[in-house]
Amino acid sequence: MKSQNENSATDQKKKQNSKPYIFAQKEGDDFTCIKLIEGKYEGVVYKYNHVKFAPHENEQGQIPLKFTYDIFLNPNKVDIINQDFRNYIGDILVELVEQQLENGTLIIDK
């Protein structure tokens, strides 16, 4: 696992941000990560890889999102290999997808 340098400009937004995460990008990388900025997973930096919608609705009438992710930084060495963490970052992913649907910026590859 590679580590990510602190991004002081992004960290300053922490005070202005009402969400439990910020976007972070290390200089030279061509992708953006999510940095969790509060709660038990504070400091964890990760990125989503393959994100797709399930082909069918579940029993609750929802179409689940399926995704993979990479962890780049876990400074507090919290347990992130569990369903609680996956649900937590899954909720963030749903929020991001909903925002992109609302503002017309969601890109769907077939």
N, C-alpha and C. Protein backbone atom coordinates (compact mmCIF):
# COMPACT_ATOMS: atom_id res chain seq x y z
N MET A 1 0.82 -1.17 0.00
CA MET A 1 0.00 0.00 0.00
C MET A 1 0.87 1.24 0.00
N LYS A 2 0.53 2.20 -0.82
CA LYS A 2 1.30 3.43 -0.79
C LYS A 2 0.65 4.41 0.16
N SER A 3 1.41 5.33 0.64
CA SER A 3 0.85 6.34 1.54
C SER A 3 0.57 7.60 0.76
N GLN A 4 -0.26 8.44 1.32
CA GLN A 4 -0.65 9.68 0.67
C GLN A 4 -0.17 10.86 1.49
N ASN A 5 0.42 11.82 0.82
CA ASN A 5 0.86 13.03 1.51
C ASN A 5 -0.34 13.85 1.94
N GLU A 6 -0.19 14.57 3.04
CA GLU A 6 -1.25 15.45 3.50
C GLU A 6 -1.41 16.58 2.49
N ASN A 7 -2.61 16.99 2.25
CA ASN A 7 -2.92 18.08 1.34
C ASN A 7 -3.47 19.21 2.18
N SER A 8 -2.63 20.15 2.56
CA SER A 8 -3.03 21.16 3.53
C SER A 8 -4.19 22.01 3.03
N ALA A 9 -4.25 22.33 1.75
CA ALA A 9 -5.37 23.12 1.24
C ALA A 9 -6.67 22.35 1.40
N THR A 10 -6.62 21.06 1.12
CA THR A 10 -7.81 20.24 1.26
C THR A 10 -8.17 20.08 2.74
N ASP A 11 -7.17 19.89 3.60
CA ASP A 11 -7.44 19.74 5.02
C ASP A 11 -8.08 20.99 5.61
N GLN A 12 -7.75 22.16 5.06
CA GLN A 12 -8.35 23.39 5.55
C GLN A 12 -9.85 23.42 5.27
N LYS A 13 -10.29 22.75 4.24
CA LYS A 13 -11.72 22.70 3.92
C LYS A 13 -12.49 21.90 4.94
N LYS A 14 -11.79 21.10 5.74
CA LYS A 14 -12.44 20.27 6.76
C LYS A 14 -13.35 21.11 7.64
N LYS A 15 -12.90 22.30 7.98
CA LYS A 15 -13.68 23.17 8.85
C LYS A 15 -14.96 23.66 8.18
N GLN A 16 -14.93 23.79 6.85
CA GLN A 16 -16.07 24.32 6.11
C GLN A 16 -17.02 23.21 5.65
N ASN A 17 -16.59 21.99 5.66
CA ASN A 17 -17.32 20.87 5.10
C ASN A 17 -18.25 20.26 6.13
N SER A 18 -19.52 20.05 5.76
CA SER A 18 -20.46 19.42 6.69
C SER A 18 -20.54 17.92 6.49
N LYS A 19 -19.81 17.39 5.54
CA LYS A 19 -19.80 15.96 5.27
C LYS A 19 -18.64 15.31 6.04
N PRO A 20 -18.75 13.99 6.28
CA PRO A 20 -17.68 13.32 7.02
C PRO A 20 -16.47 12.95 6.15
N TYR A 21 -16.37 13.54 4.97
CA TYR A 21 -15.28 13.22 4.06
C TYR A 21 -14.93 14.45 3.23
N ILE A 22 -13.74 14.41 2.65
CA ILE A 22 -13.32 15.39 1.66
C ILE A 22 -12.66 14.64 0.51
N PHE A 23 -12.51 15.30 -0.62
CA PHE A 23 -11.78 14.73 -1.74
C PHE A 23 -10.31 15.09 -1.57
N ALA A 24 -9.44 14.15 -1.87
CA ALA A 24 -8.00 14.36 -1.74
C ALA A 24 -7.31 13.75 -2.94
N GLN A 25 -6.30 14.44 -3.43
CA GLN A 25 -5.53 13.94 -4.56
C GLN A 25 -4.06 14.25 -4.33
N LYS A 26 -3.25 13.23 -4.45
CA LYS A 26 -1.81 13.40 -4.31
C LYS A 26 -1.26 13.91 -5.64
N GLU A 27 -0.36 14.85 -5.55
CA GLU A 27 0.24 15.41 -6.75
C GLU A 27 0.84 14.30 -7.61
N GLY A 28 0.50 14.33 -8.88
CA GLY A 28 1.01 13.34 -9.82
C GLY A 28 0.04 12.19 -10.08
N ASP A 29 -0.94 11.99 -9.20
CA ASP A 29 -1.93 10.93 -9.42
C ASP A 29 -3.02 11.41 -10.37
N ASP A 30 -3.55 10.50 -11.14
CA ASP A 30 -4.63 10.85 -12.08
C ASP A 30 -5.99 10.40 -11.55
N PHE A 31 -6.12 10.28 -10.25
CA PHE A 31 -7.39 9.89 -9.64
C PHE A 31 -7.55 10.65 -8.33
N THR A 32 -8.79 10.74 -7.89
CA THR A 32 -9.11 11.42 -6.64
C THR A 32 -9.53 10.39 -5.62
N CYS A 33 -9.13 10.61 -4.38
CA CYS A 33 -9.48 9.72 -3.28
C CYS A 33 -10.49 10.40 -2.36
N ILE A 34 -11.03 9.62 -1.47
CA ILE A 34 -11.89 10.11 -0.40
C ILE A 34 -11.09 10.02 0.89
N LYS A 35 -11.07 11.11 1.65
CA LYS A 35 -10.43 11.09 2.96
C LYS A 35 -11.52 11.28 4.00
N LEU A 36 -11.66 10.32 4.90
CA LEU A 36 -12.66 10.40 5.97
C LEU A 36 -12.11 11.33 7.04
N ILE A 37 -12.91 12.29 7.47
CA ILE A 37 -12.39 13.34 8.35
C ILE A 37 -13.04 13.38 9.73
N GLU A 38 -13.87 12.40 10.03
CA GLU A 38 -14.44 12.34 11.38
C GLU A 38 -14.90 10.92 11.68
N GLY A 39 -15.20 10.67 12.92
CA GLY A 39 -15.69 9.36 13.34
C GLY A 39 -14.58 8.35 13.51
N LYS A 40 -14.97 7.10 13.68
CA LYS A 40 -13.98 6.07 14.00
C LYS A 40 -13.04 5.75 12.84
N TYR A 41 -13.41 6.14 11.63
CA TYR A 41 -12.55 5.89 10.47
C TYR A 41 -11.78 7.14 10.04
N GLU A 42 -11.71 8.14 10.91
CA GLU A 42 -11.03 9.39 10.58
C GLU A 42 -9.60 9.12 10.12
N GLY A 43 -9.23 9.78 9.02
CA GLY A 43 -7.88 9.66 8.48
C GLY A 43 -7.74 8.61 7.40
N VAL A 44 -8.70 7.70 7.27
CA VAL A 44 -8.62 6.67 6.23
C VAL A 44 -8.78 7.34 4.86
N VAL A 45 -7.90 6.99 3.93
CA VAL A 45 -7.96 7.50 2.57
C VAL A 45 -8.14 6.30 1.64
N TYR A 46 -9.14 6.39 0.77
CA TYR A 46 -9.43 5.29 -0.14
C TYR A 46 -9.97 5.83 -1.45
N LYS A 47 -10.05 4.96 -2.43
CA LYS A 47 -10.71 5.31 -3.69
C LYS A 47 -11.56 4.14 -4.15
N TYR A 48 -12.63 4.48 -4.83
CA TYR A 48 -13.49 3.47 -5.43
C TYR A 48 -12.87 3.03 -6.75
N ASN A 49 -13.00 1.76 -7.06
CA ASN A 49 -12.51 1.24 -8.33
C ASN A 49 -13.70 0.96 -9.23
N HIS A 50 -14.10 -0.27 -9.29
CA HIS A 50 -15.20 -0.67 -10.16
C HIS A 50 -16.52 -0.47 -9.42
N VAL A 51 -17.36 0.39 -9.99
CA VAL A 51 -18.67 0.66 -9.41
C VAL A 51 -19.71 0.31 -10.47
N LYS A 52 -20.69 -0.49 -10.05
CA LYS A 52 -21.75 -0.83 -11.00
C LYS A 52 -23.05 -1.07 -10.24
N PHE A 53 -24.12 -0.92 -10.96
CA PHE A 53 -25.44 -1.20 -10.41
C PHE A 53 -25.73 -2.69 -10.59
N ALA A 54 -26.39 -3.28 -9.61
CA ALA A 54 -26.82 -4.68 -9.74
C ALA A 54 -27.83 -4.75 -10.88
N PRO A 55 -27.90 -5.87 -11.57
CA PRO A 55 -28.81 -5.97 -12.72
C PRO A 55 -30.29 -6.04 -12.34
N HIS A 56 -30.59 -6.37 -11.08
CA HIS A 56 -31.98 -6.52 -10.67
C HIS A 56 -32.20 -5.89 -9.30
N GLU A 57 -33.44 -5.56 -9.04
CA GLU A 57 -33.81 -5.04 -7.73
C GLU A 57 -33.68 -6.13 -6.67
N ASN A 58 -33.41 -5.71 -5.44
CA ASN A 58 -33.40 -6.66 -4.33
C ASN A 58 -34.82 -6.79 -3.77
N GLU A 59 -34.98 -7.51 -2.67
CA GLU A 59 -36.31 -7.75 -2.08
C GLU A 59 -36.98 -6.45 -1.61
N GLN A 60 -36.19 -5.43 -1.32
CA GLN A 60 -36.72 -4.15 -0.86
C GLN A 60 -37.05 -3.21 -2.01
N GLY A 61 -36.90 -3.68 -3.25
CA GLY A 61 -37.19 -2.85 -4.41
C GLY A 61 -36.08 -1.87 -4.76
N GLN A 62 -34.89 -2.09 -4.21
CA GLN A 62 -33.75 -1.21 -4.46
C GLN A 62 -32.81 -1.88 -5.45
N ILE A 63 -32.08 -1.05 -6.18
CA ILE A 63 -31.03 -1.57 -7.06
C ILE A 63 -29.70 -1.28 -6.37
N PRO A 64 -29.10 -2.30 -5.79
CA PRO A 64 -27.85 -2.09 -5.04
C PRO A 64 -26.68 -1.67 -5.94
N LEU A 65 -25.76 -0.93 -5.35
CA LEU A 65 -24.49 -0.61 -5.99
C LEU A 65 -23.48 -1.66 -5.57
N LYS A 66 -22.71 -2.12 -6.50
CA LYS A 66 -21.61 -3.04 -6.20
C LYS A 66 -20.33 -2.28 -6.49
N PHE A 67 -19.33 -2.44 -5.61
CA PHE A 67 -18.10 -1.68 -5.81
C PHE A 67 -16.92 -2.38 -5.18
N THR A 68 -15.76 -2.03 -5.70
CA THR A 68 -14.49 -2.42 -5.08
C THR A 68 -13.76 -1.14 -4.72
N TYR A 69 -12.77 -1.27 -3.86
CA TYR A 69 -12.05 -0.07 -3.41
C TYR A 69 -10.64 -0.45 -3.00
N ASP A 70 -9.78 0.57 -2.96
CA ASP A 70 -8.41 0.42 -2.47
C ASP A 70 -8.21 1.37 -1.31
N ILE A 71 -7.52 0.92 -0.29
CA ILE A 71 -7.16 1.74 0.85
C ILE A 71 -5.73 2.25 0.62
N PHE A 72 -5.54 3.55 0.75
CA PHE A 72 -4.21 4.14 0.58
C PHE A 72 -3.57 4.55 1.89
N LEU A 73 -4.41 4.84 2.88
CA LEU A 73 -3.87 5.30 4.15
C LEU A 73 -4.84 4.93 5.26
N ASN A 74 -4.30 4.38 6.34
CA ASN A 74 -5.08 4.04 7.53
C ASN A 74 -4.21 4.39 8.74
N PRO A 75 -4.05 5.70 9.01
CA PRO A 75 -3.07 6.13 10.00
C PRO A 75 -3.34 5.67 11.42
N ASN A 76 -4.59 5.44 11.76
CA ASN A 76 -4.93 5.00 13.11
C ASN A 76 -5.07 3.49 13.22
N LYS A 77 -4.79 2.81 12.10
CA LYS A 77 -4.84 1.35 12.03
C LYS A 77 -6.16 0.78 12.57
N VAL A 78 -7.27 1.43 12.17
CA VAL A 78 -8.59 0.94 12.57
C VAL A 78 -8.95 -0.26 11.72
N ASP A 79 -9.83 -1.10 12.23
CA ASP A 79 -10.28 -2.28 11.51
C ASP A 79 -11.17 -1.83 10.35
N ILE A 80 -10.70 -2.05 9.14
CA ILE A 80 -11.47 -1.67 7.96
C ILE A 80 -11.86 -2.89 7.12
N ILE A 81 -11.55 -4.06 7.62
CA ILE A 81 -11.89 -5.29 6.91
C ILE A 81 -13.15 -5.86 7.57
N ASN A 82 -14.24 -5.13 7.43
CA ASN A 82 -15.50 -5.58 8.03
C ASN A 82 -16.68 -4.96 7.29
N GLN A 83 -17.85 -5.47 7.53
CA GLN A 83 -19.06 -5.02 6.84
C GLN A 83 -19.44 -3.60 7.26
N ASP A 84 -19.15 -3.21 8.48
CA ASP A 84 -19.47 -1.85 8.94
C ASP A 84 -18.75 -0.81 8.09
N PHE A 85 -17.45 -1.03 7.86
CA PHE A 85 -16.69 -0.09 7.03
C PHE A 85 -17.22 -0.07 5.61
N ARG A 86 -17.48 -1.24 5.06
CA ARG A 86 -17.99 -1.33 3.68
C ARG A 86 -19.33 -0.62 3.57
N ASN A 87 -20.20 -0.78 4.55
CA ASN A 87 -21.49 -0.08 4.54
C ASN A 87 -21.29 1.43 4.63
N TYR A 88 -20.35 1.85 5.47
CA TYR A 88 -20.08 3.27 5.66
C TYR A 88 -19.64 3.92 4.35
N ILE A 89 -18.64 3.31 3.68
CA ILE A 89 -18.19 3.91 2.43
C ILE A 89 -19.19 3.68 1.30
N GLY A 90 -20.02 2.64 1.43
CA GLY A 90 -21.10 2.43 0.47
C GLY A 90 -22.14 3.53 0.55
N ASP A 91 -22.45 3.98 1.77
CA ASP A 91 -23.39 5.10 1.95
C ASP A 91 -22.83 6.37 1.33
N ILE A 92 -21.53 6.59 1.47
CA ILE A 92 -20.90 7.76 0.85
C ILE A 92 -21.00 7.66 -0.66
N LEU A 93 -20.76 6.47 -1.20
CA LEU A 93 -20.86 6.26 -2.64
C LEU A 93 -22.26 6.56 -3.15
N VAL A 94 -23.28 6.08 -2.43
CA VAL A 94 -24.67 6.36 -2.83
C VAL A 94 -24.92 7.87 -2.86
N GLU A 95 -24.42 8.56 -1.84
CA GLU A 95 -24.58 10.02 -1.79
C GLU A 95 -23.92 10.68 -2.99
N LEU A 96 -22.71 10.25 -3.33
CA LEU A 96 -22.00 10.82 -4.47
C LEU A 96 -22.73 10.55 -5.78
N VAL A 97 -23.24 9.34 -5.96
CA VAL A 97 -23.99 8.99 -7.17
C VAL A 97 -25.25 9.83 -7.27
N GLU A 98 -25.97 9.98 -6.15
CA GLU A 98 -27.19 10.80 -6.16
C GLU A 98 -26.88 12.24 -6.51
N GLN A 99 -25.80 12.80 -5.99
CA GLN A 99 -25.40 14.17 -6.32
C GLN A 99 -25.10 14.31 -7.80
N GLN A 100 -24.39 13.33 -8.35
CA GLN A 100 -24.04 13.38 -9.77
C GLN A 100 -25.26 13.19 -10.66
N LEU A 101 -26.21 12.39 -10.22
CA LEU A 101 -27.46 12.25 -10.98
C LEU A 101 -28.22 13.56 -10.99
N GLU A 102 -28.28 14.24 -9.84
CA GLU A 102 -29.00 15.50 -9.72
C GLU A 102 -28.38 16.60 -10.58
N ASN A 103 -27.06 16.66 -10.62
CA ASN A 103 -26.44 17.76 -11.37
C ASN A 103 -26.01 17.36 -12.78
N GLY A 104 -26.33 16.15 -13.20
CA GLY A 104 -26.10 15.71 -14.58
C GLY A 104 -24.66 15.39 -14.91
N THR A 105 -23.84 15.06 -13.91
CA THR A 105 -22.42 14.78 -14.17
C THR A 105 -22.06 13.31 -14.06
N LEU A 106 -23.03 12.45 -13.81
CA LEU A 106 -22.74 11.02 -13.68
C LEU A 106 -22.41 10.44 -15.05
N ILE A 107 -21.30 9.74 -15.13
CA ILE A 107 -20.87 9.08 -16.37
C ILE A 107 -21.05 7.58 -16.18
N ILE A 108 -21.81 6.97 -17.08
CA ILE A 108 -22.06 5.54 -17.00
C ILE A 108 -21.43 4.87 -18.20
N ASP A 109 -20.47 3.98 -17.94
CA ASP A 109 -19.85 3.18 -18.97
C ASP A 109 -20.61 1.88 -19.09
N LYS A 110 -20.80 1.43 -20.29
CA LYS A 110 -21.52 0.18 -20.48
C LYS A 110 -20.56 -0.95 -20.68
